[in-house]
Amino acid sequence: MKSFFLPLLLLVSQIIVGQTLEEKISDAYLLFERDSQLQYGLSSLTVLHAETGDVIFSKNGSTGLAPASTLKTITSITAYSLLKPGYKWETSLRYSGTLTGGVLKGDLIIKGSGDPSLGSDRYNETKSTALLARWLEAAKKAGINKIEGNIIADDLLFGTQTLPDGWIWGDIGNYYGAGSTAMTWRENEIGVNFTPGSRSGMLTSLRSTDPQVSGVRIVNEVITGSPGSGDKVYAYSAPFGDIIYLRGSYGIDLKKEIKISMPDPALFLAQELRSQFSKAGIAISGTATTARKMGLDQMPVKAAATIIDRYQSPDISRIVYWLNQKSLNLYTENLLRSASIVDGNTGSFDDATKTLASYWDKKLGIDKNAISILDGSGLSPENRVTTLAMAKILHSARSEAWFPQFYESLPLYNNMKMKSGSIRRVLGYTGYQKSSDGTPLVFSFITNNYNGGASAIRQKMFRVLDTLK
């Protein structure tokens, strides 16, 4: 019997060893496709040779699927292409009216250009405390001791629509659903701190917020969860609204600040700036407001010719790094809207998404219908992108001078450089890998409408991707 099975084992081993890369991928994908978790779902995988762009494997490569956050790779590459390496956003502090004897008879205006990192804690130079101190110092150097006017945050560059069409109500009150604004502040987030009740089921108490909230009512309906239940807090609010509902549960043993979206970031910034100036002894007769709010009252912002400070953001490579590492929706949307403006269009979501699709139509001949999107981040479940289009765009990036910075921005999952994406019943991965025989690969792998748990489908997708190693 031993003499019979040994040759058979050797034969099977030779067949496995002798498989081409395409055959290995095909066999693994076939098993995945037949899995019960895909009974009602649809999946697509495209693998290209990273140097030649030749298709090594593609199944359903021309079928549009919801990409979730894998879309961020396309948006990042588009932004690099249109904004160019080294691009920075500028936020200016200026005033209208006249400045005589230390008294400004006019408004102090901070004008936004779409910098997504303004007030962020991710970089030393962008921290809110550093920027508020900078602007106070700029006002003092200009000789401003008193302001007979308002503190205005000019947030009009992108228009008044802060949320893309297709984002769902259950997302937009939470930190990952924070709106995209020309005047961002603290990543358009509010930190919320709870004190749990003494037992499960009791109402929590809202201990504090960061920053302190003025002019917005927060209604806390969050109950205390059981030990180990973690964070199941959800926020419900509308852009520019004045009420936020907090619902769900907060684990009794949890010690964590919960992030929710800021309804009107420009107004929060104007309020903090006014407070900073007042504490420093600069009297202000007017209020903290925004260009949007003044427009509603038919009071357009007066021309402000005198600029007293020009602050520049971290460059695009540093922005894209955190965008992809932490899958930051706000950063992605602001990059896309900025790219649209630089390309000669408006910063509206409609123009921005059309700009992206048109760019790849012209550059690579990718049909616009292969990139049918409502946002740049992938949060909308209505987005549709083909894996073939995504893989082609990632392949094209390899020839660009900025590619090393883009590649570095991709997280490491399953020991592979790739961007993940997940929304309800959607999971995707796209990135780069070198096979065991040294073949450089580009891939895009997306699954829609799977059933069962996300962790289970993830491991099954990883097993398919392991054939690329």
Protein backbone atom coordinates (compact mmCIF):
# COMPACT_ATOMS: atom_id res chain seq x y z
CA MET A 1 0.00 0.00 0.00
CA LYS A 2 2.84 2.38 0.88
CA SER A 3 4.44 1.81 -2.52
CA PHE A 4 1.11 2.71 -4.18
CA PHE A 5 0.37 5.93 -2.24
CA LEU A 6 3.88 7.39 -2.42
CA PRO A 7 3.89 7.86 -6.22
CA LEU A 8 0.32 9.23 -6.03
CA LEU A 9 1.36 11.77 -3.39
CA LEU A 10 4.34 12.79 -5.47
CA LEU A 11 2.12 13.19 -8.52
CA VAL A 12 -0.35 15.42 -6.65
CA SER A 13 2.54 17.48 -5.26
CA GLN A 14 3.96 17.93 -8.74
CA ILE A 15 0.57 19.07 -10.04
CA ILE A 16 0.25 21.63 -7.24
CA VAL A 17 3.83 22.84 -7.61
CA GLY A 18 3.43 22.96 -11.37
CA GLN A 19 0.38 25.21 -11.27
CA THR A 20 0.72 28.62 -12.85
CA LEU A 21 -0.09 31.71 -10.81
CA GLU A 22 -3.30 32.14 -12.80
CA GLU A 23 -4.33 28.55 -12.04
CA LYS A 24 -3.63 28.93 -8.32
CA ILE A 25 -5.70 32.10 -8.15
CA SER A 26 -8.48 30.56 -10.24
CA ASP A 27 -8.74 27.44 -8.06
CA ALA A 28 -8.80 29.45 -4.83
CA TYR A 29 -11.34 31.90 -6.21
CA LEU A 30 -13.61 29.09 -7.42
CA LEU A 31 -13.72 27.63 -3.90
CA PHE A 32 -14.46 31.08 -2.49
CA GLU A 33 -17.20 31.74 -5.02
CA ARG A 34 -18.93 28.47 -4.11
CA ASP A 35 -18.87 29.23 -0.37
CA SER A 36 -22.24 29.41 1.36
CA GLN A 37 -21.51 32.98 2.45
CA LEU A 38 -21.73 33.96 -1.23
CA GLN A 39 -25.06 32.20 -1.79
CA TYR A 40 -26.82 35.51 -2.39
CA GLY A 41 -23.75 37.63 -2.95
CA LEU A 42 -21.51 38.71 -5.78
CA SER A 43 -17.74 38.98 -5.81
CA SER A 44 -15.09 40.18 -8.23
CA LEU A 45 -11.31 39.79 -8.34
CA THR A 46 -8.91 41.33 -10.83
CA VAL A 47 -5.16 40.72 -10.73
CA LEU A 48 -2.78 42.54 -13.09
CA HIS A 49 0.94 42.22 -13.75
CA ALA A 50 2.20 45.36 -12.03
CA GLU A 51 4.86 46.11 -14.66
CA THR A 52 3.06 45.33 -17.91
CA GLY A 53 -0.54 45.86 -16.85
CA ASP A 54 -1.50 42.54 -18.41
CA VAL A 55 -4.50 40.77 -16.90
CA ILE A 56 -3.40 37.66 -14.99
CA PHE A 57 -6.85 36.89 -13.60
CA SER A 58 -10.21 38.63 -13.70
CA LYS A 59 -13.62 37.37 -12.66
CA ASN A 60 -16.57 39.74 -12.90
CA GLY A 61 -13.97 42.43 -13.54
CA SER A 62 -16.39 44.60 -15.50
CA THR A 63 -19.25 44.30 -13.00
CA GLY A 64 -19.90 47.42 -10.94
CA LEU A 65 -19.84 46.75 -7.19
CA ALA A 66 -20.05 48.92 -4.09
CA PRO A 67 -16.35 49.46 -3.29
CA ALA A 68 -16.64 50.87 0.25
CA SER A 69 -13.35 52.46 1.33
CA THR A 70 -11.24 50.78 -1.36
CA LEU A 71 -12.52 53.74 -3.41
CA LYS A 72 -10.14 55.92 -1.38
CA THR A 73 -7.24 54.56 -3.44
CA ILE A 74 -8.75 55.96 -6.64
CA THR A 75 -9.49 59.30 -4.97
CA SER A 76 -5.97 59.50 -3.51
CA ILE A 77 -4.38 58.79 -6.88
CA THR A 78 -6.66 61.31 -8.60
CA ALA A 79 -5.79 63.97 -6.02
CA TYR A 80 -2.06 63.35 -6.45
CA SER A 81 -2.52 63.63 -10.21
CA LEU A 82 -4.51 66.88 -10.18
CA LEU A 83 -3.21 68.68 -7.09
CA LYS A 84 0.40 67.57 -7.71
CA PRO A 85 3.07 66.60 -5.12
CA GLY A 86 3.77 69.22 -2.49
CA TYR A 87 0.27 70.69 -2.64
CA LYS A 88 -0.79 72.55 0.51
CA TRP A 89 -4.01 74.22 1.60
CA GLU A 90 -3.89 77.82 2.82
CA THR A 91 -6.05 79.27 5.58
CA SER A 92 -5.82 83.05 5.86
CA LEU A 93 -6.65 85.43 8.69
CA ARG A 94 -7.72 88.84 7.44
CA TYR A 95 -9.81 91.83 8.35
CA SER A 96 -12.24 94.22 6.72
CA GLY A 97 -12.75 97.88 7.59
CA THR A 98 -10.12 100.08 9.21
CA LEU A 99 -7.56 99.62 11.98
CA THR A 100 -6.73 102.80 13.86
CA GLY A 101 -5.14 103.15 17.28
CA GLY A 102 -5.50 99.44 17.99
CA VAL A 103 -9.24 99.47 17.25
CA LEU A 104 -10.47 97.40 14.32
CA LYS A 105 -13.70 98.86 12.99
CA GLY A 106 -14.65 95.89 10.89
CA ASP A 107 -14.72 92.11 10.95
CA LEU A 108 -11.95 89.61 11.59
CA ILE A 109 -12.31 86.85 9.01
CA ILE A 110 -10.73 83.43 8.81
CA LYS A 111 -11.04 82.06 5.28
CA GLY A 112 -10.97 78.34 4.58
CA SER A 113 -9.68 76.60 1.46
CA GLY A 114 -10.66 73.03 2.30
CA ASP A 115 -7.74 72.02 4.54
CA PRO A 116 -9.01 68.78 6.14
CA SER A 117 -6.34 68.82 8.86
CA LEU A 118 -7.07 72.23 10.40
CA GLY A 119 -7.24 71.72 14.18
CA SER A 120 -6.36 68.02 13.92
CA ASP A 121 -4.29 66.28 16.60
CA ARG A 122 -2.52 64.10 13.99
CA TYR A 123 0.22 66.68 13.33
CA ASN A 124 1.97 69.00 15.78
CA GLU A 125 1.48 72.10 13.65
CA THR A 126 -2.25 71.52 13.08
CA LYS A 127 -3.37 71.16 16.70
CA SER A 128 -6.19 73.50 17.68
CA THR A 129 -4.20 75.00 20.57
CA ALA A 130 -1.26 75.80 18.28
CA LEU A 131 -3.44 77.42 15.62
CA LEU A 132 -5.52 79.48 18.05
CA ALA A 133 -2.30 80.77 19.62
CA ARG A 134 -0.87 81.52 16.17
CA TRP A 135 -3.90 83.56 15.13
CA LEU A 136 -3.96 85.46 18.42
CA GLU A 137 -0.29 86.34 17.97
CA ALA A 138 -0.95 87.47 14.39
CA ALA A 139 -3.72 89.79 15.58
CA LYS A 140 -1.47 91.25 18.28
CA LYS A 141 1.37 91.80 15.79
CA ALA A 142 -1.08 93.61 13.52
CA GLY A 143 -1.87 95.91 16.45
CA ILE A 144 -5.43 94.75 17.08
CA ASN A 145 -6.48 95.43 20.68
CA LYS A 146 -10.21 95.79 20.15
CA ILE A 147 -12.65 94.60 17.50
CA GLU A 148 -15.82 96.54 16.73
CA GLY A 149 -17.26 93.84 14.53
CA ASN A 150 -17.69 90.09 14.22
CA ILE A 151 -15.45 87.04 14.10
CA ILE A 152 -16.39 85.34 10.83
CA ALA A 153 -15.36 81.93 9.51
CA ASP A 154 -15.64 81.96 5.71
CA ASP A 155 -16.79 78.47 4.76
CA LEU A 156 -18.23 79.15 1.29
CA LEU A 157 -15.62 77.69 -1.09
CA PHE A 158 -17.33 74.29 -1.36
CA GLY A 159 -20.87 75.68 -1.19
CA THR A 160 -23.40 74.75 1.48
CA GLN A 161 -23.76 71.01 0.77
CA THR A 162 -21.54 69.21 3.26
CA LEU A 163 -22.74 65.63 2.69
CA PRO A 164 -22.67 63.68 -0.58
CA ASP A 165 -25.91 62.31 -1.94
CA GLY A 166 -26.32 58.71 -0.87
CA TRP A 167 -24.94 58.93 2.67
CA ILE A 168 -27.39 57.35 5.09
CA TRP A 169 -29.02 58.91 8.15
CA GLY A 170 -27.51 56.32 10.48
CA ASP A 171 -23.97 57.39 9.49
CA ILE A 172 -23.94 61.16 9.31
CA GLY A 173 -24.15 61.92 13.04
CA ASN A 174 -21.09 59.79 13.78
CA TYR A 175 -17.44 60.80 13.37
CA TYR A 176 -17.03 58.87 10.12
CA GLY A 177 -20.06 60.69 8.69
CA ALA A 178 -18.77 64.18 9.49
CA GLY A 179 -19.48 66.60 6.65
CA SER A 180 -16.92 67.90 4.18
CA THR A 181 -16.47 71.65 4.60
CA ALA A 182 -14.18 74.32 3.20
CA MET A 183 -13.62 75.51 6.77
CA THR A 184 -12.88 72.36 8.75
CA TRP A 185 -12.06 72.32 12.44
CA ARG A 186 -10.82 69.47 14.66
CA GLU A 187 -11.61 67.01 11.85
CA ASN A 188 -15.24 68.15 12.23
CA GLU A 189 -15.62 65.98 15.33
CA ILE A 190 -16.80 66.43 18.91
CA GLY A 191 -15.48 64.17 21.65
CA VAL A 192 -18.17 62.93 24.07
CA ASN A 193 -17.39 61.46 27.50
CA PHE A 194 -19.86 59.34 29.47
CA THR A 195 -20.14 58.11 33.03
CA PRO A 196 -21.86 54.69 33.05
CA GLY A 197 -24.63 53.91 35.51
CA SER A 198 -24.05 51.57 38.46
CA ARG A 199 -25.63 48.65 36.58
CA SER A 200 -26.55 47.58 33.07
CA GLY A 201 -29.68 49.18 31.65
CA MET A 202 -29.33 52.44 33.55
CA LEU A 203 -29.07 55.73 31.68
CA THR A 204 -25.52 57.02 31.37
CA SER A 205 -24.65 60.59 32.24
CA LEU A 206 -22.94 62.91 29.76
CA ARG A 207 -19.83 64.05 31.63
CA SER A 208 -18.18 66.40 29.15
CA THR A 209 -17.54 67.27 25.52
CA ASP A 210 -14.36 68.34 23.73
CA PRO A 211 -14.59 71.06 22.63
CA GLN A 212 -17.24 72.55 24.85
CA VAL A 213 -20.50 72.84 22.95
CA SER A 214 -22.25 76.19 22.59
CA GLY A 215 -25.56 76.67 20.82
CA VAL A 216 -26.14 72.95 20.29
CA ARG A 217 -28.31 70.80 22.53
CA ILE A 218 -27.11 67.23 23.11
CA VAL A 219 -29.85 64.81 24.17
CA ASN A 220 -28.36 61.75 25.87
CA GLU A 221 -30.40 58.54 25.59
CA VAL A 222 -27.42 56.17 25.90
CA ILE A 223 -27.89 53.34 28.39
CA THR A 224 -25.23 51.45 30.32
CA GLY A 225 -24.20 48.24 28.60
CA SER A 226 -23.07 44.97 30.17
CA PRO A 227 -19.37 44.35 30.93
CA GLY A 228 -17.39 43.83 27.75
CA SER A 229 -20.17 45.15 25.50
CA GLY A 230 -18.00 48.10 24.46
CA ASP A 231 -19.02 51.11 22.41
CA LYS A 232 -22.41 50.89 20.71
CA VAL A 233 -23.14 54.60 20.79
CA TYR A 234 -24.68 56.26 17.74
CA ALA A 235 -25.29 59.95 17.15
CA TYR A 236 -28.11 61.42 15.08
CA SER A 237 -27.85 64.99 13.82
CA ALA A 238 -28.21 67.08 10.68
CA PRO A 239 -25.72 69.48 9.07
CA PHE A 240 -25.92 72.95 10.64
CA GLY A 241 -28.49 71.63 13.13
CA ASP A 242 -28.73 72.63 16.78
CA ILE A 243 -29.70 69.29 18.33
CA ILE A 244 -27.84 65.97 18.57
CA TYR A 245 -29.42 62.74 19.83
CA LEU A 246 -27.13 60.12 21.36
CA ARG A 247 -28.52 56.57 21.44
CA GLY A 248 -27.31 53.03 21.99
CA SER A 249 -25.21 51.64 24.84
CA TYR A 250 -21.88 52.31 26.53
CA GLY A 251 -20.22 49.41 28.36
CA ILE A 252 -20.18 49.66 32.14
CA ASP A 253 -16.42 48.97 32.15
CA LEU A 254 -15.62 51.21 29.17
CA LYS A 255 -13.28 54.18 29.51
CA LYS A 256 -13.30 55.78 26.09
CA GLU A 257 -14.12 59.10 24.48
CA ILE A 258 -16.73 58.70 21.75
CA LYS A 259 -16.37 60.81 18.60
CA ILE A 260 -19.42 62.28 16.87
CA SER A 261 -19.78 64.68 13.96
CA MET A 262 -19.72 68.45 14.43
CA PRO A 263 -22.85 70.01 12.88
CA ASP A 264 -21.25 73.36 11.94
CA PRO A 265 -17.43 73.26 12.11
CA ALA A 266 -16.95 76.83 10.85
CA LEU A 267 -19.19 78.17 13.62
CA PHE A 268 -17.34 76.13 16.25
CA LEU A 269 -14.04 77.58 15.01
CA ALA A 270 -15.36 81.15 15.06
CA GLN A 271 -16.64 80.61 18.61
CA GLU A 272 -13.31 79.21 19.82
CA LEU A 273 -11.39 82.03 18.14
CA ARG A 274 -13.62 84.65 19.74
CA SER A 275 -13.18 83.01 23.14
CA GLN A 276 -9.38 82.92 22.69
CA PHE A 277 -9.26 86.61 21.85
CA SER A 278 -11.56 87.59 24.72
CA LYS A 279 -9.45 85.65 27.24
CA ALA A 280 -6.39 87.53 25.96
CA GLY A 281 -8.07 90.87 26.67
CA ILE A 282 -9.16 91.75 23.13
CA ALA A 283 -12.68 93.13 23.46
CA ILE A 284 -15.08 92.10 20.69
CA SER A 285 -18.40 93.87 20.27
CA GLY A 286 -19.82 91.48 17.68
CA THR A 287 -20.58 87.79 17.60
CA ALA A 288 -19.00 84.62 16.25
CA THR A 289 -20.62 83.64 12.97
CA THR A 290 -20.00 82.19 9.51
CA ALA A 291 -20.22 83.41 5.94
CA ARG A 292 -22.99 80.87 5.35
CA LYS A 293 -25.09 82.18 8.22
CA MET A 294 -24.57 85.77 7.14
CA GLY A 295 -25.68 84.85 3.64
CA LEU A 296 -28.93 83.46 5.03
CA ASP A 297 -29.54 86.87 6.59
CA GLN A 298 -28.63 88.53 3.27
CA MET A 299 -25.54 90.06 4.85
CA PRO A 300 -22.62 89.09 2.61
CA VAL A 301 -19.14 89.14 4.10
CA LYS A 302 -17.42 92.45 3.42
CA ALA A 303 -14.31 92.39 1.27
CA ALA A 304 -11.26 91.81 3.45
CA ALA A 305 -8.17 93.11 1.68
CA THR A 306 -5.79 93.07 4.64
CA ILE A 307 -4.31 89.64 5.32
CA ILE A 308 -2.43 89.27 8.61
CA ASP A 309 -1.62 85.55 8.53
CA ARG A 310 -1.29 82.80 5.94
CA TYR A 311 -1.20 79.31 7.40
CA GLN A 312 -0.29 76.36 5.18
CA SER A 313 -1.32 72.79 5.88
CA PRO A 314 0.92 69.71 5.84
CA ASP A 315 1.56 68.74 2.22
CA ILE A 316 -0.60 66.28 0.32
CA SER A 317 1.62 63.26 1.01
CA ARG A 318 1.20 63.69 4.77
CA ILE A 319 -2.55 64.14 4.33
CA VAL A 320 -2.89 61.05 2.12
CA TYR A 321 -0.85 58.99 4.58
CA TRP A 322 -3.42 59.35 7.36
CA LEU A 323 -6.30 59.31 4.88
CA ASN A 324 -5.48 55.73 3.90
CA GLN A 325 -3.98 54.51 7.17
CA LYS A 326 -7.09 55.48 9.16
CA SER A 327 -9.61 55.56 6.29
CA LEU A 328 -10.59 59.17 6.94
CA ASN A 329 -13.73 60.05 5.00
CA LEU A 330 -13.46 63.79 5.64
CA TYR A 331 -9.90 63.93 4.28
CA THR A 332 -10.94 62.01 1.17
CA GLU A 333 -13.92 64.20 0.34
CA ASN A 334 -11.94 67.42 0.85
CA LEU A 335 -9.13 66.15 -1.38
CA LEU A 336 -11.57 65.30 -4.16
CA ARG A 337 -13.42 68.62 -3.92
CA SER A 338 -10.12 70.52 -3.91
CA ALA A 339 -8.93 68.57 -6.95
CA SER A 340 -12.15 69.47 -8.76
CA ILE A 341 -11.54 73.18 -8.14
CA VAL A 342 -7.92 72.98 -9.30
CA ASP A 343 -9.17 71.24 -12.45
CA GLY A 344 -11.33 74.26 -13.22
CA ASN A 345 -14.65 73.08 -11.84
CA THR A 346 -16.57 73.87 -8.66
CA GLY A 347 -16.10 72.09 -5.37
CA SER A 348 -19.58 70.58 -5.40
CA PHE A 349 -19.87 66.83 -4.93
CA ASP A 350 -21.47 66.50 -8.35
CA ASP A 351 -18.61 68.30 -10.08
CA ALA A 352 -15.98 66.52 -7.98
CA THR A 353 -17.18 63.00 -8.77
CA LYS A 354 -17.60 63.86 -12.45
CA THR A 355 -14.08 65.32 -12.47
CA LEU A 356 -12.70 62.03 -11.18
CA ALA A 357 -14.53 59.87 -13.71
CA SER A 358 -13.66 62.20 -16.60
CA TYR A 359 -9.99 62.25 -15.63
CA TRP A 360 -9.65 58.47 -15.91
CA ASP A 361 -11.71 58.38 -19.07
CA LYS A 362 -9.21 60.76 -20.68
CA LYS A 363 -6.06 59.28 -19.15
CA LEU A 364 -6.71 55.53 -19.39
CA GLY A 365 -9.85 55.26 -21.49
CA ILE A 366 -11.86 53.88 -18.57
CA ASP A 367 -15.58 54.16 -19.28
CA LYS A 368 -17.18 56.67 -16.91
CA ASN A 369 -19.84 54.08 -16.12
CA ALA A 370 -17.12 51.85 -14.65
CA ILE A 371 -16.63 54.51 -11.94
CA SER A 372 -20.17 55.55 -11.04
CA ILE A 373 -19.78 57.27 -7.68
CA LEU A 374 -21.54 59.78 -5.42
CA ASP A 375 -18.58 60.43 -3.12
CA GLY A 376 -14.82 59.95 -2.95
CA SER A 377 -14.60 57.99 0.28
CA GLY A 378 -16.84 55.01 -0.45
CA LEU A 379 -19.27 55.58 2.43
CA SER A 380 -22.26 55.75 0.08
CA PRO A 381 -23.72 52.28 -0.59
CA GLU A 382 -24.83 53.58 -4.00
CA ASN A 383 -21.28 53.80 -5.41
CA ARG A 384 -20.39 51.34 -8.16
CA VAL A 385 -16.84 50.63 -9.36
CA THR A 386 -15.42 47.70 -11.31
CA THR A 387 -12.36 45.87 -9.99
CA LEU A 388 -10.79 46.10 -13.46
CA ALA A 389 -11.02 49.91 -13.40
CA MET A 390 -9.63 50.06 -9.87
CA ALA A 391 -6.72 47.74 -10.69
CA LYS A 392 -5.86 49.72 -13.83
CA ILE A 393 -5.75 52.97 -11.87
CA LEU A 394 -3.53 51.43 -9.19
CA HIS A 395 -1.28 50.07 -11.94
CA SER A 396 -0.97 53.52 -13.54
CA ALA A 397 0.14 55.03 -10.22
CA ARG A 398 3.31 52.91 -10.19
CA SER A 399 4.86 55.04 -12.96
CA GLU A 400 4.40 58.32 -11.09
CA ALA A 401 7.13 60.12 -9.13
CA TRP A 402 4.85 60.30 -6.07
CA PHE A 403 4.11 56.55 -6.06
CA PRO A 404 6.45 55.75 -3.11
CA GLN A 405 4.47 58.15 -0.91
CA PHE A 406 1.15 56.69 -2.04
CA TYR A 407 2.40 53.13 -1.52
CA GLU A 408 3.59 54.03 1.98
CA SER A 409 0.10 55.32 2.83
CA LEU A 410 -1.47 51.89 2.33
CA PRO A 411 -2.02 49.86 5.52
CA LEU A 412 -0.66 46.36 6.04
CA TYR A 413 -3.33 43.65 6.26
CA ASN A 414 -2.63 39.92 6.01
CA ASN A 415 1.01 40.96 5.52
CA MET A 416 0.00 42.68 2.27
CA LYS A 417 0.10 46.37 1.34
CA MET A 418 -3.55 47.08 0.64
CA LYS A 419 -6.49 49.33 1.43
CA SER A 420 -9.53 47.72 2.98
CA GLY A 421 -13.14 48.78 2.66
CA SER A 422 -16.25 47.78 4.55
CA ILE A 423 -19.82 48.94 4.85
CA ARG A 424 -22.91 46.81 5.48
CA ARG A 425 -22.46 43.47 3.66
CA VAL A 426 -19.55 44.86 1.65
CA LEU A 427 -15.89 43.96 2.06
CA GLY A 428 -13.02 44.79 -0.25
CA TYR A 429 -9.23 44.88 -0.53
CA THR A 430 -7.03 46.51 -3.15
CA GLY A 431 -3.30 46.98 -3.35
CA TYR A 432 0.04 45.53 -4.36
CA GLN A 433 1.83 42.23 -3.79
CA LYS A 434 4.89 40.36 -5.08
CA SER A 435 4.33 36.66 -5.76
CA SER A 436 6.67 33.89 -4.60
CA ASP A 437 8.31 33.82 -8.03
CA GLY A 438 8.95 37.57 -7.90
CA THR A 439 6.07 38.70 -10.12
CA PRO A 440 4.82 42.16 -9.03
CA LEU A 441 1.03 42.25 -8.86
CA VAL A 442 -1.79 44.76 -8.59
CA PHE A 443 -5.15 43.51 -7.36
CA SER A 444 -8.68 44.55 -6.52
CA PHE A 445 -11.01 42.17 -4.67
CA ILE A 446 -14.56 43.17 -3.70
CA THR A 447 -17.46 41.18 -2.26
CA ASN A 448 -21.03 42.49 -2.02
CA ASN A 449 -24.08 41.16 -0.18
CA TYR A 450 -22.35 38.30 1.61
CA ASN A 451 -24.25 36.65 4.44
CA GLY A 452 -22.92 35.70 7.85
CA GLY A 453 -20.16 37.39 9.79
CA ALA A 454 -17.62 39.86 8.40
CA SER A 455 -14.70 38.16 10.17
CA ALA A 456 -15.49 34.84 8.47
CA ILE A 457 -15.71 36.29 4.96
CA ARG A 458 -12.54 38.28 5.63
CA GLN A 459 -10.53 35.15 6.39
CA LYS A 460 -11.90 33.46 3.26
CA MET A 461 -10.91 36.46 1.15
CA PHE A 462 -7.45 36.39 2.74
CA ARG A 463 -7.08 32.75 1.71
CA VAL A 464 -7.69 33.75 -1.90
CA LEU A 465 -5.25 36.64 -1.61
CA ASP A 466 -2.65 34.29 -0.11
CA THR A 467 -2.28 32.73 -3.57
CA LEU A 468 -0.75 36.03 -4.70
CA LYS A 469 2.12 35.65 -2.24
